[in-house]
N, C-alpha and C. Protein backbone atom coordinates (compact mmCIF):
# COMPACT_ATOMS: atom_id res chain seq x y z
N MET A 1 0.86 -1.17 0.00
CA MET A 1 0.00 0.00 0.00
C MET A 1 0.90 1.23 0.00
N ASP A 2 0.55 2.22 -0.82
CA ASP A 2 1.41 3.41 -0.92
C ASP A 2 1.19 4.36 0.27
N LYS A 3 2.17 5.24 0.46
CA LYS A 3 2.18 6.16 1.60
C LYS A 3 0.95 7.08 1.59
N GLU A 4 0.53 7.54 0.42
CA GLU A 4 -0.63 8.43 0.33
C GLU A 4 -1.90 7.74 0.84
N LYS A 5 -2.08 6.49 0.48
CA LYS A 5 -3.27 5.74 0.92
C LYS A 5 -3.23 5.54 2.44
N ILE A 6 -2.05 5.23 2.98
CA ILE A 6 -1.90 5.06 4.43
C ILE A 6 -2.20 6.37 5.14
N ASP A 7 -1.68 7.48 4.61
CA ASP A 7 -1.95 8.80 5.19
C ASP A 7 -3.44 9.11 5.18
N GLU A 8 -4.11 8.75 4.09
CA GLU A 8 -5.55 8.99 3.97
C GLU A 8 -6.32 8.18 5.01
N ILE A 9 -5.96 6.92 5.18
CA ILE A 9 -6.61 6.07 6.17
C ILE A 9 -6.41 6.65 7.56
N TYR A 10 -5.20 7.13 7.84
CA TYR A 10 -4.91 7.73 9.15
C TYR A 10 -5.77 8.98 9.37
N ARG A 11 -5.79 9.87 8.38
CA ARG A 11 -6.56 11.12 8.51
C ARG A 11 -8.04 10.84 8.74
N GLU A 12 -8.58 9.87 8.04
CA GLU A 12 -10.01 9.57 8.13
C GLU A 12 -10.41 8.84 9.40
N ASN A 13 -9.47 8.15 10.05
CA ASN A 13 -9.84 7.28 11.17
C ASN A 13 -9.17 7.57 12.50
N ALA A 14 -8.11 8.35 12.51
CA ALA A 14 -7.33 8.55 13.75
C ALA A 14 -8.18 9.15 14.87
N ALA A 15 -8.97 10.17 14.57
CA ALA A 15 -9.77 10.83 15.61
C ALA A 15 -10.79 9.86 16.20
N MET A 16 -11.41 9.07 15.36
CA MET A 16 -12.40 8.11 15.84
C MET A 16 -11.75 7.03 16.71
N ILE A 17 -10.61 6.52 16.29
CA ILE A 17 -9.89 5.50 17.07
C ILE A 17 -9.46 6.09 18.41
N TYR A 18 -8.96 7.32 18.38
CA TYR A 18 -8.54 7.99 19.61
C TYR A 18 -9.71 8.15 20.58
N LYS A 19 -10.86 8.61 20.08
CA LYS A 19 -12.05 8.78 20.93
C LYS A 19 -12.50 7.43 21.50
N TYR A 20 -12.47 6.43 20.67
CA TYR A 20 -12.85 5.09 21.11
C TYR A 20 -11.94 4.63 22.25
N LEU A 21 -10.64 4.81 22.07
CA LEU A 21 -9.68 4.40 23.10
C LEU A 21 -9.77 5.27 24.35
N CYS A 22 -10.08 6.56 24.18
CA CYS A 22 -10.29 7.42 25.35
C CYS A 22 -11.44 6.88 26.19
N GLY A 23 -12.49 6.46 25.51
CA GLY A 23 -13.63 5.90 26.22
C GLY A 23 -13.29 4.62 26.95
N LEU A 24 -12.46 3.79 26.35
CA LEU A 24 -12.07 2.54 26.99
C LEU A 24 -11.08 2.75 28.12
N THR A 25 -10.08 3.59 27.88
CA THR A 25 -8.97 3.71 28.83
C THR A 25 -9.19 4.76 29.90
N GLN A 26 -10.00 5.77 29.61
CA GLN A 26 -10.18 6.92 30.51
C GLN A 26 -8.85 7.62 30.77
N ASP A 27 -7.93 7.56 29.81
CA ASP A 27 -6.60 8.14 29.95
C ASP A 27 -6.16 8.65 28.58
N ASN A 28 -6.14 9.98 28.42
CA ASN A 28 -5.82 10.56 27.11
C ASN A 28 -4.44 10.17 26.61
N GLY A 29 -3.45 10.17 27.51
CA GLY A 29 -2.09 9.81 27.10
C GLY A 29 -2.00 8.37 26.62
N LEU A 30 -2.60 7.47 27.36
CA LEU A 30 -2.60 6.06 26.97
C LEU A 30 -3.38 5.88 25.67
N ALA A 31 -4.49 6.58 25.54
CA ALA A 31 -5.29 6.49 24.31
C ALA A 31 -4.47 6.94 23.11
N GLU A 32 -3.68 7.99 23.30
CA GLU A 32 -2.83 8.48 22.21
C GLU A 32 -1.78 7.43 21.84
N GLU A 33 -1.14 6.84 22.85
CA GLU A 33 -0.15 5.79 22.60
C GLU A 33 -0.77 4.61 21.86
N LEU A 34 -1.93 4.17 22.34
CA LEU A 34 -2.59 3.02 21.73
C LEU A 34 -3.09 3.34 20.32
N THR A 35 -3.47 4.59 20.08
CA THR A 35 -3.89 5.00 18.73
C THR A 35 -2.71 4.86 17.78
N GLN A 36 -1.55 5.36 18.20
CA GLN A 36 -0.35 5.25 17.35
C GLN A 36 0.01 3.79 17.12
N GLU A 37 -0.06 2.99 18.18
CA GLU A 37 0.27 1.57 18.06
C GLU A 37 -0.75 0.85 17.15
N THR A 38 -2.01 1.28 17.21
CA THR A 38 -3.03 0.70 16.34
C THR A 38 -2.66 0.89 14.88
N PHE A 39 -2.27 2.11 14.53
CA PHE A 39 -1.92 2.38 13.13
C PHE A 39 -0.61 1.72 12.74
N PHE A 40 0.33 1.61 13.67
CA PHE A 40 1.58 0.89 13.40
C PHE A 40 1.28 -0.57 13.09
N GLN A 41 0.44 -1.18 13.93
CA GLN A 41 0.07 -2.58 13.71
C GLN A 41 -0.72 -2.75 12.41
N ALA A 42 -1.56 -1.77 12.11
CA ALA A 42 -2.36 -1.84 10.88
C ALA A 42 -1.46 -1.79 9.65
N VAL A 43 -0.46 -0.91 9.67
CA VAL A 43 0.46 -0.82 8.53
C VAL A 43 1.24 -2.12 8.39
N LYS A 44 1.70 -2.66 9.52
CA LYS A 44 2.45 -3.92 9.49
C LYS A 44 1.59 -5.07 8.96
N GLY A 45 0.31 -5.06 9.31
CA GLY A 45 -0.55 -6.18 8.95
C GLY A 45 -1.57 -5.87 7.88
N ILE A 46 -1.33 -4.84 7.07
CA ILE A 46 -2.33 -4.42 6.08
C ILE A 46 -2.67 -5.56 5.11
N ASP A 47 -1.73 -6.47 4.88
CA ASP A 47 -2.01 -7.59 3.98
C ASP A 47 -3.02 -8.57 4.58
N LYS A 48 -3.26 -8.47 5.90
CA LYS A 48 -4.25 -9.32 6.56
C LYS A 48 -5.67 -8.75 6.45
N PHE A 49 -5.78 -7.48 6.01
CA PHE A 49 -7.09 -6.87 5.86
C PHE A 49 -7.74 -7.46 4.62
N ARG A 50 -8.85 -8.19 4.84
CA ARG A 50 -9.51 -8.90 3.75
C ARG A 50 -10.49 -8.03 2.97
N GLY A 51 -10.89 -6.91 3.55
CA GLY A 51 -11.82 -6.03 2.86
C GLY A 51 -13.27 -6.42 3.01
N ASP A 52 -13.58 -7.37 3.90
CA ASP A 52 -14.97 -7.78 4.08
C ASP A 52 -15.70 -6.91 5.11
N CYS A 53 -15.03 -5.87 5.61
CA CYS A 53 -15.65 -4.89 6.49
C CYS A 53 -14.98 -3.54 6.22
N LYS A 54 -15.54 -2.50 6.80
CA LYS A 54 -14.93 -1.18 6.64
C LYS A 54 -13.58 -1.17 7.35
N ILE A 55 -12.66 -0.37 6.85
CA ILE A 55 -11.34 -0.28 7.47
C ILE A 55 -11.44 0.23 8.90
N SER A 56 -12.43 1.09 9.17
CA SER A 56 -12.61 1.61 10.53
C SER A 56 -12.97 0.49 11.50
N VAL A 57 -13.74 -0.47 11.05
CA VAL A 57 -14.12 -1.61 11.88
C VAL A 57 -12.88 -2.45 12.18
N TRP A 58 -12.07 -2.68 11.17
CA TRP A 58 -10.83 -3.44 11.33
C TRP A 58 -9.90 -2.73 12.31
N LEU A 59 -9.77 -1.42 12.17
CA LEU A 59 -8.91 -0.64 13.07
C LEU A 59 -9.41 -0.69 14.51
N CYS A 60 -10.73 -0.62 14.70
CA CYS A 60 -11.30 -0.73 16.06
C CYS A 60 -10.97 -2.09 16.67
N GLY A 61 -11.00 -3.10 15.86
CA GLY A 61 -10.64 -4.44 16.35
C GLY A 61 -9.19 -4.49 16.82
N ILE A 62 -8.30 -3.87 16.06
CA ILE A 62 -6.89 -3.81 16.45
C ILE A 62 -6.75 -3.02 17.75
N ALA A 63 -7.42 -1.86 17.81
CA ALA A 63 -7.35 -1.01 19.00
C ALA A 63 -7.85 -1.76 20.23
N LYS A 64 -8.94 -2.47 20.07
CA LYS A 64 -9.53 -3.22 21.19
C LYS A 64 -8.56 -4.30 21.68
N LYS A 65 -7.92 -5.01 20.75
CA LYS A 65 -6.95 -6.05 21.13
C LYS A 65 -5.76 -5.43 21.86
N LEU A 66 -5.30 -4.27 21.40
CA LEU A 66 -4.18 -3.60 22.07
C LEU A 66 -4.58 -3.17 23.48
N TRP A 67 -5.81 -2.69 23.65
CA TRP A 67 -6.29 -2.29 24.97
C TRP A 67 -6.34 -3.51 25.89
N TYR A 68 -6.83 -4.64 25.38
CA TYR A 68 -6.88 -5.85 26.20
C TYR A 68 -5.47 -6.31 26.60
N LYS A 69 -4.52 -6.19 25.67
CA LYS A 69 -3.13 -6.53 26.00
C LYS A 69 -2.60 -5.62 27.10
N GLU A 70 -2.94 -4.34 27.01
CA GLU A 70 -2.51 -3.37 28.03
C GLU A 70 -3.12 -3.72 29.38
N LEU A 71 -4.38 -4.08 29.40
CA LEU A 71 -5.03 -4.48 30.66
C LEU A 71 -4.36 -5.72 31.25
N GLU A 72 -4.04 -6.66 30.39
CA GLU A 72 -3.38 -7.88 30.84
C GLU A 72 -2.01 -7.54 31.43
N LYS A 73 -1.28 -6.68 30.75
CA LYS A 73 0.05 -6.26 31.23
C LYS A 73 -0.07 -5.55 32.58
N ARG A 74 -1.06 -4.70 32.71
CA ARG A 74 -1.25 -3.97 33.97
C ARG A 74 -1.64 -4.90 35.11
N SER A 75 -2.42 -5.91 34.81
CA SER A 75 -2.83 -6.82 35.88
C SER A 75 -1.64 -7.63 36.39
N ARG A 76 -0.65 -7.87 35.54
CA ARG A 76 0.55 -8.58 35.97
C ARG A 76 1.49 -7.68 36.75
N HIS A 77 1.52 -6.40 36.39
CA HIS A 77 2.43 -5.43 37.01
C HIS A 77 1.62 -4.31 37.64
N LYS A 78 0.97 -4.61 38.72
CA LYS A 78 0.14 -3.59 39.37
C LYS A 78 1.02 -2.46 39.85
N THR A 79 0.69 -1.24 39.40
CA THR A 79 1.42 -0.06 39.84
C THR A 79 0.41 0.98 40.30
N VAL A 80 0.86 1.83 41.18
CA VAL A 80 0.02 2.91 41.67
C VAL A 80 0.59 4.20 41.11
N PRO A 81 -0.19 4.98 40.34
CA PRO A 81 0.31 6.24 39.82
C PRO A 81 0.73 7.16 40.96
N LEU A 82 1.79 7.93 40.72
CA LEU A 82 2.30 8.86 41.72
C LEU A 82 1.22 9.81 42.20
N ASP A 83 0.35 10.23 41.30
CA ASP A 83 -0.74 11.15 41.67
C ASP A 83 -1.64 10.57 42.75
N ASP A 84 -1.76 9.23 42.78
CA ASP A 84 -2.59 8.59 43.79
C ASP A 84 -1.92 8.55 45.16
N CYS A 85 -0.59 8.72 45.18
CA CYS A 85 0.16 8.67 46.44
C CYS A 85 0.29 10.03 47.09
N VAL A 86 0.27 11.08 46.27
CA VAL A 86 0.47 12.43 46.77
C VAL A 86 -0.89 13.08 46.97
N PRO A 87 -1.16 13.62 48.15
CA PRO A 87 -2.45 14.27 48.37
C PRO A 87 -2.66 15.44 47.41
N SER A 88 -3.86 15.56 46.92
CA SER A 88 -4.19 16.64 46.00
C SER A 88 -4.22 17.97 46.74
N THR A 89 -3.71 18.99 46.06
CA THR A 89 -3.74 20.33 46.66
C THR A 89 -5.00 21.08 46.27
N GLU A 90 -5.81 20.45 45.44
CA GLU A 90 -7.05 21.11 45.03
C GLU A 90 -8.01 21.21 46.21
N ASN A 91 -8.73 22.28 46.23
CA ASN A 91 -9.76 22.47 47.24
C ASN A 91 -10.93 21.55 46.88
N ILE A 92 -11.30 20.70 47.80
CA ILE A 92 -12.38 19.73 47.55
C ILE A 92 -13.66 20.44 47.15
N GLU A 93 -13.89 21.61 47.74
CA GLU A 93 -15.12 22.33 47.43
C GLU A 93 -15.17 22.83 46.00
N SER A 94 -14.02 22.88 45.31
CA SER A 94 -14.01 23.38 43.94
C SER A 94 -14.48 22.33 42.94
N LYS A 95 -14.67 21.10 43.41
CA LYS A 95 -15.19 20.06 42.51
C LYS A 95 -16.61 20.43 42.10
N SER A 96 -16.85 20.39 40.82
CA SER A 96 -18.17 20.80 40.34
C SER A 96 -19.14 19.63 40.28
N LEU A 97 -20.41 19.96 40.26
CA LEU A 97 -21.45 18.95 40.12
C LEU A 97 -21.28 18.19 38.80
N ASP A 98 -20.81 18.92 37.77
CA ASP A 98 -20.59 18.25 36.48
C ASP A 98 -19.61 17.10 36.62
N ASN A 99 -18.53 17.31 37.36
CA ASN A 99 -17.55 16.24 37.56
C ASN A 99 -18.16 15.08 38.32
N LEU A 100 -18.96 15.39 39.32
CA LEU A 100 -19.62 14.32 40.08
C LEU A 100 -20.57 13.53 39.18
N GLU A 101 -21.28 14.24 38.31
CA GLU A 101 -22.19 13.56 37.39
C GLU A 101 -21.42 12.67 36.42
N LYS A 102 -20.29 13.17 35.92
CA LYS A 102 -19.48 12.36 35.00
C LYS A 102 -18.99 11.10 35.70
N ILE A 103 -18.53 11.26 36.92
CA ILE A 103 -18.06 10.11 37.68
C ILE A 103 -19.18 9.09 37.85
N GLU A 104 -20.37 9.59 38.17
CA GLU A 104 -21.51 8.69 38.36
C GLU A 104 -21.87 7.99 37.05
N ILE A 105 -21.84 8.71 35.95
CA ILE A 105 -22.14 8.10 34.65
C ILE A 105 -21.12 7.00 34.35
N PHE A 106 -19.83 7.28 34.56
CA PHE A 106 -18.81 6.26 34.32
C PHE A 106 -18.98 5.07 35.27
N ARG A 107 -19.38 5.34 36.51
CA ARG A 107 -19.61 4.25 37.46
C ARG A 107 -20.76 3.38 36.97
N LEU A 108 -21.82 4.04 36.51
CA LEU A 108 -22.97 3.29 35.99
C LEU A 108 -22.58 2.49 34.75
N MET A 109 -21.79 3.09 33.87
CA MET A 109 -21.34 2.37 32.67
C MET A 109 -20.47 1.19 33.06
N HIS A 110 -19.62 1.39 34.05
CA HIS A 110 -18.74 0.31 34.51
C HIS A 110 -19.55 -0.87 35.04
N ASN A 111 -20.71 -0.60 35.60
CA ASN A 111 -21.56 -1.66 36.17
C ASN A 111 -22.38 -2.40 35.12
N LEU A 112 -22.40 -1.91 33.89
CA LEU A 112 -23.11 -2.62 32.83
C LEU A 112 -22.38 -3.91 32.49
N ASP A 113 -23.09 -4.87 31.91
CA ASP A 113 -22.40 -6.09 31.47
C ASP A 113 -21.42 -5.72 30.35
N ASP A 114 -20.44 -6.58 30.14
CA ASP A 114 -19.34 -6.27 29.22
C ASP A 114 -19.80 -5.87 27.82
N MET A 115 -20.73 -6.63 27.25
CA MET A 115 -21.16 -6.34 25.88
C MET A 115 -21.90 -5.01 25.80
N THR A 116 -22.76 -4.73 26.77
CA THR A 116 -23.50 -3.47 26.76
C THR A 116 -22.54 -2.31 26.92
N ARG A 117 -21.58 -2.44 27.83
CA ARG A 117 -20.59 -1.39 28.03
C ARG A 117 -19.78 -1.15 26.75
N GLU A 118 -19.41 -2.22 26.08
CA GLU A 118 -18.65 -2.11 24.83
C GLU A 118 -19.46 -1.36 23.77
N VAL A 119 -20.74 -1.71 23.64
CA VAL A 119 -21.61 -1.02 22.68
C VAL A 119 -21.70 0.46 23.03
N MET A 120 -21.87 0.77 24.31
CA MET A 120 -21.98 2.17 24.74
C MET A 120 -20.71 2.95 24.39
N TYR A 121 -19.54 2.38 24.67
CA TYR A 121 -18.28 3.05 24.36
C TYR A 121 -18.10 3.23 22.85
N LEU A 122 -18.41 2.20 22.09
CA LEU A 122 -18.26 2.31 20.64
C LEU A 122 -19.16 3.39 20.08
N ARG A 123 -20.38 3.46 20.59
CA ARG A 123 -21.34 4.44 20.09
C ARG A 123 -21.00 5.85 20.56
N LEU A 124 -20.72 6.01 21.86
CA LEU A 124 -20.53 7.34 22.43
C LEU A 124 -19.11 7.87 22.21
N ALA A 125 -18.12 7.08 22.54
CA ALA A 125 -16.74 7.55 22.41
C ALA A 125 -16.22 7.37 20.99
N GLY A 126 -16.55 6.23 20.40
CA GLY A 126 -16.07 5.96 19.05
C GLY A 126 -16.91 6.59 17.96
N GLU A 127 -18.12 7.05 18.32
CA GLU A 127 -19.05 7.66 17.38
C GLU A 127 -19.30 6.77 16.17
N LEU A 128 -19.42 5.47 16.43
CA LEU A 128 -19.65 4.52 15.35
C LEU A 128 -21.13 4.33 15.09
N GLN A 129 -21.44 3.95 13.87
CA GLN A 129 -22.80 3.60 13.49
C GLN A 129 -23.13 2.23 14.06
N PHE A 130 -24.41 1.93 14.21
CA PHE A 130 -24.80 0.63 14.75
C PHE A 130 -24.33 -0.51 13.85
N SER A 131 -24.31 -0.28 12.54
CA SER A 131 -23.83 -1.33 11.63
C SER A 131 -22.35 -1.62 11.87
N GLU A 132 -21.56 -0.58 12.16
CA GLU A 132 -20.14 -0.76 12.43
C GLU A 132 -19.92 -1.47 13.77
N ILE A 133 -20.73 -1.09 14.76
CA ILE A 133 -20.65 -1.74 16.07
C ILE A 133 -20.97 -3.23 15.92
N ALA A 134 -22.02 -3.52 15.16
CA ALA A 134 -22.42 -4.91 14.94
C ALA A 134 -21.29 -5.69 14.28
N ALA A 135 -20.64 -5.08 13.30
CA ALA A 135 -19.54 -5.76 12.60
C ALA A 135 -18.37 -6.03 13.54
N ILE A 136 -18.04 -5.07 14.39
CA ILE A 136 -16.92 -5.24 15.34
C ILE A 136 -17.21 -6.37 16.31
N LEU A 137 -18.44 -6.42 16.80
CA LEU A 137 -18.79 -7.38 17.84
C LEU A 137 -19.36 -8.70 17.30
N GLY A 138 -19.51 -8.78 15.98
CA GLY A 138 -20.01 -10.01 15.39
C GLY A 138 -21.48 -10.26 15.68
N LYS A 139 -22.26 -9.20 15.75
CA LYS A 139 -23.69 -9.30 16.05
C LYS A 139 -24.47 -8.61 14.93
N THR A 140 -25.80 -8.58 15.07
CA THR A 140 -26.62 -7.89 14.08
C THR A 140 -26.74 -6.41 14.44
N GLU A 141 -27.09 -5.63 13.44
CA GLU A 141 -27.30 -4.20 13.66
C GLU A 141 -28.43 -3.97 14.66
N ASN A 142 -29.50 -4.76 14.53
CA ASN A 142 -30.63 -4.62 15.45
C ASN A 142 -30.20 -4.92 16.89
N TRP A 143 -29.37 -5.95 17.07
CA TRP A 143 -28.86 -6.28 18.40
C TRP A 143 -28.09 -5.09 18.98
N ALA A 144 -27.26 -4.45 18.15
CA ALA A 144 -26.48 -3.30 18.62
C ALA A 144 -27.40 -2.16 19.05
N ARG A 145 -28.45 -1.90 18.26
CA ARG A 145 -29.41 -0.84 18.61
C ARG A 145 -30.12 -1.13 19.93
N VAL A 146 -30.62 -2.34 20.07
CA VAL A 146 -31.36 -2.72 21.27
C VAL A 146 -30.45 -2.69 22.49
N THR A 147 -29.24 -3.20 22.34
CA THR A 147 -28.29 -3.22 23.46
C THR A 147 -27.94 -1.81 23.89
N TYR A 148 -27.72 -0.92 22.92
CA TYR A 148 -27.42 0.48 23.24
C TYR A 148 -28.60 1.13 23.96
N TYR A 149 -29.79 0.91 23.44
CA TYR A 149 -30.99 1.51 24.04
C TYR A 149 -31.17 1.02 25.48
N ARG A 150 -31.00 -0.27 25.71
CA ARG A 150 -31.15 -0.81 27.06
C ARG A 150 -30.07 -0.27 28.01
N GLY A 151 -28.85 -0.15 27.50
CA GLY A 151 -27.78 0.42 28.32
C GLY A 151 -28.06 1.87 28.66
N LYS A 152 -28.55 2.61 27.68
CA LYS A 152 -28.89 4.02 27.90
C LYS A 152 -30.00 4.14 28.94
N GLN A 153 -30.98 3.27 28.86
CA GLN A 153 -32.09 3.29 29.83
C GLN A 153 -31.57 3.02 31.24
N LYS A 154 -30.67 2.05 31.38
CA LYS A 154 -30.11 1.73 32.70
C LYS A 154 -29.34 2.92 33.27
N ILE A 155 -28.58 3.58 32.42
CA ILE A 155 -27.81 4.74 32.88
C ILE A 155 -28.75 5.88 33.25
N MET A 156 -29.78 6.11 32.45
CA MET A 156 -30.74 7.18 32.76
C MET A 156 -31.47 6.89 34.07
N LYS A 157 -31.84 5.63 34.28
CA LYS A 157 -32.50 5.25 35.53
C LYS A 157 -31.56 5.47 36.71
N GLY A 158 -30.32 5.06 36.55
CA GLY A 158 -29.33 5.25 37.61
C GLY A 158 -29.08 6.71 37.92
N MET A 159 -29.04 7.55 36.89
CA MET A 159 -28.82 8.99 37.09
C MET A 159 -30.03 9.62 37.77
N LYS A 160 -31.22 9.14 37.43
CA LYS A 160 -32.43 9.67 38.08
C LYS A 160 -32.39 9.35 39.57
N GLU A 161 -32.04 8.12 39.89
CA GLU A 161 -31.94 7.72 41.31
C GLU A 161 -30.85 8.52 42.01
N TRP A 162 -29.73 8.73 41.34
CA TRP A 162 -28.62 9.49 41.92
C TRP A 162 -29.03 10.93 42.19
N ASN A 163 -29.75 11.53 41.25
CA ASN A 163 -30.19 12.92 41.41
C ASN A 163 -31.21 13.07 42.54
N GLU A 164 -31.99 12.00 42.78
CA GLU A 164 -32.99 12.05 43.85
C GLU A 164 -32.34 11.97 45.23
N ASN A 165 -31.14 11.45 45.29
CA ASN A 165 -30.44 11.31 46.59
C ASN A 165 -29.66 12.52 46.93
């Protein structure tokens, strides 16, 4: 594959892959590293791309595998970030309700079953179409829609309960 075609694939998909990985990792720096590694692996293995799905779907699959490898590596080498060891100098009162709501939304998403959570991240962070989500997960488009809707309902219900407390 020529350099221009590779550059075009990168330009068209890098932002989406980065957003997808940000949603999975909750770490912009790690998402950036994994995005670069995704495209490195894609260039190395471009001959393995069969063309039976969109290139964005193939790239998401690579990104997801890299994230799983990272999780596996982290579980073997548990480390505590320095920021977690040093007390924050921020005034606790300066935390906004928006941040608390975001934390609650992520907590609710974390409590979803794996497949529902994956669909939510692909749709919200990756900004993928239901057909693309279905292709990545090996399911039907209708399944992706229903799973997303049910996950959204669970999060909305959880947020309603949280707001009432």
